[in-house]
C-alpha atoms as a PDB file:
ATOM      1  CA  MET A   1       7.343  12.541   0.892  1.00  0.00           C
ATOM      2  CA  LYS A   2       7.480  11.909  -2.812  1.00  0.00           C
ATOM      3  CA  ALA A   3       5.318  13.685  -5.339  1.00  0.00           C
ATOM      4  CA  ILE A   4       2.665  11.683  -7.151  1.00  0.00           C
ATOM      5  CA  GLU A   5       2.107  12.922 -10.666  1.00  0.00           C
ATOM      6  CA  VAL A   6      -0.390  11.889 -13.341  1.00  0.00           C
ATOM      7  CA  LYS A   7      -0.571  13.261 -16.861  1.00  0.00           C
ATOM      8  CA  VAL A   8      -3.980  13.888 -18.427  1.00  0.00           C
ATOM      9  CA  ILE A   9      -3.985  12.810 -22.057  1.00  0.00           C
ATOM     10  CA  ASP A  10      -6.705  13.962 -24.496  1.00  0.00           C
ATOM     11  CA  ASN A  11      -8.771  15.504 -21.664  1.00  0.00           C
ATOM     12  CA  ASP A  12      -9.552  12.008 -20.350  1.00  0.00           C
ATOM     13  CA  LEU A  13     -10.007  13.032 -16.726  1.00  0.00           C
ATOM     14  CA  GLU A  14     -11.742   9.809 -15.629  1.00  0.00           C
ATOM     15  CA  LYS A  15      -8.790   7.693 -16.708  1.00  0.00           C
ATOM     16  CA  ALA A  16      -6.352  10.079 -15.015  1.00  0.00           C
ATOM     17  CA  MET A  17      -8.380   9.895 -11.782  1.00  0.00           C
ATOM     18  CA  ARG A  18      -8.324   6.064 -11.859  1.00  0.00           C
ATOM     19  CA  ILE A  19      -4.561   6.109 -12.354  1.00  0.00           C
ATOM     20  CA  LEU A  20      -4.119   8.626  -9.523  1.00  0.00           C
ATOM     21  CA  LYS A  21      -6.238   6.571  -7.116  1.00  0.00           C
ATOM     22  CA  LYS A  22      -4.255   3.451  -7.983  1.00  0.00           C
ATOM     23  CA  LYS A  23      -0.932   5.244  -7.407  1.00  0.00           C
ATOM     24  CA  ILE A  24      -2.127   6.636  -4.071  1.00  0.00           C
ATOM     25  CA  GLN A  25      -3.340   3.213  -2.991  1.00  0.00           C
ATOM     26  CA  ASN A  26      -0.058   1.535  -3.962  1.00  0.00           C
ATOM     27  CA  ASP A  27       1.864   4.242  -2.108  1.00  0.00           C
ATOM     28  CA  GLY A  28      -0.098   3.477   1.076  1.00  0.00           C
ATOM     29  CA  LEU A  29      -1.327   7.034   1.591  1.00  0.00           C
ATOM     30  CA  PHE A  30      -4.937   5.991   2.270  1.00  0.00           C
ATOM     31  CA  LYS A  31      -3.756   3.507   4.894  1.00  0.00           C
ATOM     32  CA  ARG A  32      -1.560   6.094   6.631  1.00  0.00           C
ATOM     33  CA  LEU A  33      -4.394   8.631   6.687  1.00  0.00           C
ATOM     34  CA  LYS A  34      -6.778   6.075   8.163  1.00  0.00           C
ATOM     35  CA  LEU A  35      -4.293   5.205  10.910  1.00  0.00           C
ATOM     36  CA  LYS A  36      -3.703   8.875  11.780  1.00  0.00           C
ATOM     37  CA  LYS A  37      -7.439   9.554  11.926  1.00  0.00           C
ATOM     38  CA  SER A  38      -7.863   8.073  15.393  1.00  0.00           C
ATOM     39  CA  TYR A  39      -5.765   7.080  18.394  1.00  0.00           C
ATOM     40  CA  GLU A  40      -4.245   3.611  18.353  1.00  0.00           C
ATOM     41  CA  LYS A  41      -3.418   1.981  21.653  1.00  0.00           C
ATOM     42  CA  PRO A  42       0.198   0.809  22.025  1.00  0.00           C
ATOM     43  CA  SER A  43      -0.933  -2.823  22.312  1.00  0.00           C
ATOM     44  CA  GLU A  44      -2.949  -2.494  19.077  1.00  0.00           C
ATOM     45  CA  PHE A  45       0.054  -0.833  17.415  1.00  0.00           C
ATOM     46  CA  ARG A  46       2.318  -3.759  18.352  1.00  0.00           C
ATOM     47  CA  ARG A  47      -0.267  -6.309  17.192  1.00  0.00           C
ATOM     48  CA  ARG A  48      -0.736  -4.516  13.848  1.00  0.00           C
ATOM     49  CA  LYS A  49       3.008  -4.276  13.279  1.00  0.00           C
ATOM     50  CA  GLN A  50       3.383  -7.998  14.052  1.00  0.00           C
ATOM     51  CA  ARG A  51       0.572  -8.892  11.619  1.00  0.00           C
ATOM     52  CA  GLU A  52       2.176  -6.758   8.897  1.00  0.00           C
ATOM     53  CA  ALA A  53       5.572  -8.390   9.484  1.00  0.00           C
ATOM     54  CA  LEU A  54       4.027 -11.879   9.267  1.00  0.00           C
ATOM     55  CA  ARG A  55       2.254 -10.931   6.056  1.00  0.00           C
ATOM     56  CA  ARG A  56       5.515  -9.686   4.526  1.00  0.00           C
ATOM     57  CA  GLN A  57       7.252 -12.927   5.572  1.00  0.00           C
ATOM     58  CA  ARG A  58       4.501 -15.071   4.019  1.00  0.00           C
ATOM     59  CA  ILE A  59       4.700 -13.142   0.753  1.00  0.00           C
ATOM     60  CA  ALA A  60       8.507 -13.416   0.658  1.00  0.00           C
ATOM     61  CA  ALA A  61       8.348 -17.165   1.414  1.00  0.00           C
ATOM     62  CA  ALA A  62       5.797 -17.681  -1.355  1.00  0.00           C
ATOM     63  CA  LYS A  63       8.029 -15.840  -3.817  1.00  0.00           C
ATOM     64  CA  ARG A  64      11.049 -17.911  -2.788  1.00  0.00           C
ATOM     65  CA  ALA A  65       9.066 -21.142  -3.117  1.00  0.00           C
ATOM     66  CA  ARG A  66       7.792 -20.156  -6.542  1.00  0.00           C
ATOM     67  CA  TYR A  67      11.302 -19.465  -7.874  1.00  0.00           C
ATOM     68  CA  ARG A  68      12.809 -22.544  -6.238  1.00  0.00           C
ATOM     69  CA  TYR A  69      10.909 -24.951  -8.500  1.00  0.00           C
ATOM     70  CA  ARG A  70      11.723 -23.302 -11.800  1.00  0.00           C
END
């Protein structure tokens, strides 16, 4: 587990909190906590993993298509 660190500049706590929330969200911590909160059936686990894999494939294909036409 990597440490998430945010520096507070000029006592601007609100800005630091926004940055921290964004870093936590990008890290996927909220998603992991939500999944650990309750039991997930093995069939639901497999379905979720398949959906995530398809999403990653779609994103990668879109990136490849975008760079192909440059």
